[in-house]
Amino acid sequence: MRLNEVVFTDAKPVEGYGPGFFRIGGEVVHGPVLAGPQGTRTWAGFDDTAPLLALAGQVDVLFLGTGAEIAHLPDNLRETLEEAGVGV
């Protein structure tokens, strides 16, 4: 089996997650987080649409966690993102 080491240049890898936290680039971030081309920062949650809409045309895939329980995204958030061309 051949293994290739992944080298991250300007991106930070998501190394793990658990109840209420993410480990990104060796740092633990508690609560909602936005990890994108411009770096990693905390996020205010589903009502904070501006940073998600800013990703239009910059990302291929957008993963949105819904918390401890599996759930659909709120309809208004899904519709807002789809109208902006951000597929979820």
N, C-alpha and C. Protein backbone atom coordinates (compact mmCIF):
# COMPACT_ATOMS: atom_id res chain seq x y z
N MET A 1 0.85 -1.17 0.00
CA MET A 1 0.00 0.00 0.00
C MET A 1 0.89 1.23 0.00
N ARG A 2 0.53 2.20 -0.81
CA ARG A 2 1.29 3.44 -0.91
C ARG A 2 0.59 4.53 -0.11
N LEU A 3 1.33 5.21 0.75
CA LEU A 3 0.79 6.31 1.54
C LEU A 3 1.45 7.61 1.10
N ASN A 4 0.67 8.63 0.95
CA ASN A 4 1.19 9.94 0.59
C ASN A 4 0.93 10.91 1.74
N GLU A 5 1.95 11.62 2.14
CA GLU A 5 1.78 12.62 3.18
C GLU A 5 1.13 13.85 2.56
N VAL A 6 0.13 14.38 3.24
CA VAL A 6 -0.55 15.59 2.78
C VAL A 6 0.20 16.79 3.35
N VAL A 7 0.54 17.71 2.47
CA VAL A 7 1.22 18.93 2.90
C VAL A 7 0.26 20.09 2.72
N PHE A 8 -0.02 20.79 3.80
CA PHE A 8 -0.93 21.93 3.76
C PHE A 8 -0.10 23.19 3.63
N THR A 9 -0.39 23.98 2.61
CA THR A 9 0.37 25.22 2.41
C THR A 9 -0.27 26.35 3.20
N ASP A 10 -1.38 26.89 2.72
CA ASP A 10 -2.03 27.99 3.43
C ASP A 10 -3.30 27.56 4.15
N ALA A 11 -3.70 26.32 4.01
CA ALA A 11 -4.91 25.83 4.66
C ALA A 11 -4.56 25.11 5.95
N LYS A 12 -5.51 25.12 6.89
CA LYS A 12 -5.33 24.37 8.14
C LYS A 12 -6.26 23.16 8.11
N PRO A 13 -5.74 22.00 8.43
CA PRO A 13 -6.58 20.79 8.39
C PRO A 13 -7.52 20.71 9.58
N VAL A 14 -8.72 20.20 9.31
CA VAL A 14 -9.64 19.86 10.39
C VAL A 14 -9.19 18.49 10.88
N GLU A 15 -8.66 18.45 12.08
CA GLU A 15 -8.06 17.22 12.60
C GLU A 15 -9.02 16.39 13.43
N GLY A 16 -10.05 17.02 13.94
CA GLY A 16 -11.01 16.28 14.75
C GLY A 16 -12.11 17.19 15.26
N TYR A 17 -13.12 16.56 15.85
CA TYR A 17 -14.22 17.32 16.44
C TYR A 17 -14.88 16.46 17.50
N GLY A 18 -15.63 17.09 18.34
CA GLY A 18 -16.36 16.39 19.39
C GLY A 18 -17.49 17.28 19.87
N PRO A 19 -18.09 16.93 20.99
CA PRO A 19 -19.23 17.71 21.49
C PRO A 19 -18.82 19.17 21.76
N GLY A 20 -19.24 20.07 20.89
CA GLY A 20 -19.02 21.49 21.10
C GLY A 20 -17.66 22.03 20.71
N PHE A 21 -16.82 21.25 20.03
CA PHE A 21 -15.50 21.76 19.65
C PHE A 21 -15.01 21.14 18.35
N PHE A 22 -14.03 21.84 17.75
CA PHE A 22 -13.30 21.36 16.58
C PHE A 22 -11.81 21.51 16.88
N ARG A 23 -11.00 20.63 16.35
CA ARG A 23 -9.54 20.79 16.41
C ARG A 23 -9.08 21.07 14.99
N ILE A 24 -8.60 22.30 14.78
CA ILE A 24 -8.22 22.76 13.44
C ILE A 24 -6.80 23.30 13.50
N GLY A 25 -5.93 22.69 12.73
CA GLY A 25 -4.54 23.13 12.68
C GLY A 25 -3.86 23.11 14.04
N GLY A 26 -4.21 22.14 14.87
CA GLY A 26 -3.59 22.00 16.18
C GLY A 26 -4.22 22.84 17.28
N GLU A 27 -5.23 23.64 16.94
CA GLU A 27 -5.89 24.48 17.93
C GLU A 27 -7.32 24.00 18.15
N VAL A 28 -7.78 24.07 19.39
CA VAL A 28 -9.15 23.69 19.72
C VAL A 28 -10.01 24.95 19.68
N VAL A 29 -11.11 24.87 18.93
CA VAL A 29 -12.05 25.98 18.82
C VAL A 29 -13.38 25.48 19.34
N HIS A 30 -13.95 26.19 20.32
CA HIS A 30 -15.23 25.79 20.91
C HIS A 30 -16.38 26.50 20.22
N GLY A 31 -17.47 25.79 20.03
CA GLY A 31 -18.66 26.37 19.44
C GLY A 31 -18.63 26.33 17.93
N PRO A 32 -19.59 27.00 17.30
CA PRO A 32 -19.64 27.03 15.84
C PRO A 32 -18.39 27.66 15.24
N VAL A 33 -17.92 27.10 14.15
CA VAL A 33 -16.69 27.59 13.52
C VAL A 33 -16.87 27.60 12.00
N LEU A 34 -16.23 28.56 11.38
CA LEU A 34 -16.22 28.66 9.92
C LEU A 34 -14.78 28.48 9.48
N ALA A 35 -14.53 27.42 8.73
CA ALA A 35 -13.18 27.16 8.20
C ALA A 35 -13.27 27.26 6.69
N GLY A 36 -12.59 28.25 6.14
CA GLY A 36 -12.67 28.47 4.70
C GLY A 36 -11.35 28.96 4.15
N PRO A 37 -11.38 29.41 2.91
CA PRO A 37 -10.16 29.85 2.24
C PRO A 37 -9.45 31.01 2.97
N GLN A 38 -10.19 31.83 3.70
CA GLN A 38 -9.59 32.96 4.40
C GLN A 38 -9.17 32.63 5.83
N GLY A 39 -9.25 31.37 6.21
CA GLY A 39 -8.83 30.99 7.55
C GLY A 39 -9.97 30.44 8.38
N THR A 40 -9.74 30.37 9.67
CA THR A 40 -10.69 29.80 10.61
C THR A 40 -11.12 30.87 11.60
N ARG A 41 -12.42 30.92 11.86
CA ARG A 41 -12.92 31.88 12.85
C ARG A 41 -14.21 31.35 13.45
N THR A 42 -14.59 31.91 14.56
CA THR A 42 -15.85 31.50 15.16
C THR A 42 -17.00 32.01 14.30
N TRP A 43 -18.15 31.37 14.45
CA TRP A 43 -19.32 31.70 13.64
C TRP A 43 -20.50 31.80 14.58
N ALA A 44 -21.41 32.71 14.31
CA ALA A 44 -22.55 32.95 15.20
C ALA A 44 -23.71 31.99 14.98
N GLY A 45 -23.61 31.09 14.02
CA GLY A 45 -24.66 30.09 13.82
C GLY A 45 -25.56 30.41 12.64
N PHE A 46 -26.67 29.69 12.56
CA PHE A 46 -27.56 29.73 11.40
C PHE A 46 -28.06 31.13 11.05
N ASP A 47 -28.21 32.01 12.02
CA ASP A 47 -28.70 33.36 11.73
C ASP A 47 -27.61 34.26 11.14
N ASP A 48 -26.37 33.83 11.20
CA ASP A 48 -25.22 34.60 10.70
C ASP A 48 -24.92 34.19 9.26
N THR A 49 -25.72 34.69 8.31
CA THR A 49 -25.61 34.24 6.92
C THR A 49 -24.52 34.95 6.13
N ALA A 50 -24.12 36.14 6.52
CA ALA A 50 -23.16 36.93 5.73
C ALA A 50 -21.87 36.18 5.43
N PRO A 51 -21.22 35.54 6.43
CA PRO A 51 -19.98 34.83 6.10
C PRO A 51 -20.19 33.65 5.17
N LEU A 52 -21.35 33.02 5.23
CA LEU A 52 -21.64 31.90 4.33
C LEU A 52 -21.87 32.40 2.92
N LEU A 53 -22.59 33.50 2.78
CA LEU A 53 -22.86 34.07 1.47
C LEU A 53 -21.57 34.59 0.83
N ALA A 54 -20.63 35.03 1.65
CA ALA A 54 -19.34 35.52 1.14
C ALA A 54 -18.53 34.40 0.49
N LEU A 55 -18.87 33.15 0.78
CA LEU A 55 -18.16 32.01 0.20
C LEU A 55 -18.63 31.66 -1.21
N ALA A 56 -19.68 32.31 -1.68
CA ALA A 56 -20.20 32.03 -3.03
C ALA A 56 -19.08 32.22 -4.04
N GLY A 57 -18.87 31.20 -4.86
CA GLY A 57 -17.84 31.22 -5.88
C GLY A 57 -16.44 30.88 -5.39
N GLN A 58 -16.28 30.67 -4.08
CA GLN A 58 -14.97 30.37 -3.51
C GLN A 58 -14.81 28.93 -3.04
N VAL A 59 -15.93 28.25 -2.80
CA VAL A 59 -15.86 26.89 -2.28
C VAL A 59 -16.62 25.94 -3.19
N ASP A 60 -16.19 24.69 -3.18
CA ASP A 60 -16.89 23.66 -3.95
C ASP A 60 -17.93 22.95 -3.09
N VAL A 61 -17.64 22.82 -1.80
CA VAL A 61 -18.49 22.09 -0.89
C VAL A 61 -18.65 22.89 0.39
N LEU A 62 -19.86 22.94 0.90
CA LEU A 62 -20.14 23.60 2.17
C LEU A 62 -20.78 22.58 3.10
N PHE A 63 -20.10 22.27 4.18
CA PHE A 63 -20.64 21.35 5.18
C PHE A 63 -21.16 22.18 6.35
N LEU A 64 -22.40 21.95 6.72
CA LEU A 64 -22.99 22.63 7.86
C LEU A 64 -23.46 21.59 8.87
N GLY A 65 -22.90 21.65 10.05
CA GLY A 65 -23.34 20.76 11.11
C GLY A 65 -24.59 21.31 11.76
N THR A 66 -25.40 20.43 12.29
CA THR A 66 -26.66 20.85 12.90
C THR A 66 -26.68 20.62 14.40
N GLY A 67 -25.54 20.32 14.99
CA GLY A 67 -25.50 20.13 16.43
C GLY A 67 -25.57 18.67 16.82
N ALA A 68 -25.99 18.45 18.04
CA ALA A 68 -26.00 17.10 18.61
C ALA A 68 -27.01 16.17 17.94
N GLU A 69 -28.05 16.72 17.36
CA GLU A 69 -29.09 15.92 16.73
C GLU A 69 -29.05 16.12 15.22
N ILE A 70 -29.29 15.06 14.47
CA ILE A 70 -29.38 15.16 13.02
C ILE A 70 -30.65 15.95 12.69
N ALA A 71 -30.50 16.96 11.85
CA ALA A 71 -31.64 17.79 11.50
C ALA A 71 -31.43 18.42 10.13
N HIS A 72 -32.51 18.85 9.52
CA HIS A 72 -32.44 19.61 8.27
C HIS A 72 -32.05 21.04 8.60
N LEU A 73 -31.42 21.71 7.64
CA LEU A 73 -31.15 23.13 7.81
C LEU A 73 -32.47 23.88 7.86
N PRO A 74 -32.51 25.00 8.57
CA PRO A 74 -33.72 25.82 8.53
C PRO A 74 -34.02 26.21 7.07
N ASP A 75 -35.28 26.16 6.69
CA ASP A 75 -35.68 26.43 5.31
C ASP A 75 -35.18 27.78 4.82
N ASN A 76 -35.28 28.82 5.66
CA ASN A 76 -34.86 30.15 5.21
C ASN A 76 -33.36 30.20 4.93
N LEU A 77 -32.55 29.49 5.70
CA LEU A 77 -31.11 29.46 5.46
C LEU A 77 -30.81 28.71 4.18
N ARG A 78 -31.41 27.57 3.99
CA ARG A 78 -31.19 26.78 2.77
C ARG A 78 -31.58 27.59 1.54
N GLU A 79 -32.74 28.24 1.57
CA GLU A 79 -33.20 29.02 0.44
C GLU A 79 -32.28 30.21 0.16
N THR A 80 -31.82 30.89 1.19
CA THR A 80 -30.91 32.03 1.03
C THR A 80 -29.61 31.58 0.38
N LEU A 81 -29.05 30.46 0.84
CA LEU A 81 -27.81 29.97 0.27
C LEU A 81 -27.99 29.53 -1.18
N GLU A 82 -29.07 28.83 -1.47
CA GLU A 82 -29.32 28.37 -2.84
C GLU A 82 -29.50 29.56 -3.79
N GLU A 83 -30.20 30.60 -3.36
CA GLU A 83 -30.40 31.79 -4.19
C GLU A 83 -29.08 32.48 -4.51
N ALA A 84 -28.11 32.37 -3.58
CA ALA A 84 -26.79 32.98 -3.79
C ALA A 84 -25.85 32.07 -4.56
N GLY A 85 -26.31 30.86 -4.88
CA GLY A 85 -25.47 29.93 -5.63
C GLY A 85 -24.55 29.09 -4.77
N VAL A 86 -24.82 29.07 -3.47
CA VAL A 86 -24.04 28.24 -2.55
C VAL A 86 -24.87 26.99 -2.29
N GLY A 87 -24.48 25.87 -2.90
CA GLY A 87 -25.22 24.64 -2.73
C GLY A 87 -24.90 23.97 -1.40
N VAL A 88 -25.91 23.46 -0.78
CA VAL A 88 -25.71 22.74 0.49
C VAL A 88 -26.26 21.33 0.38
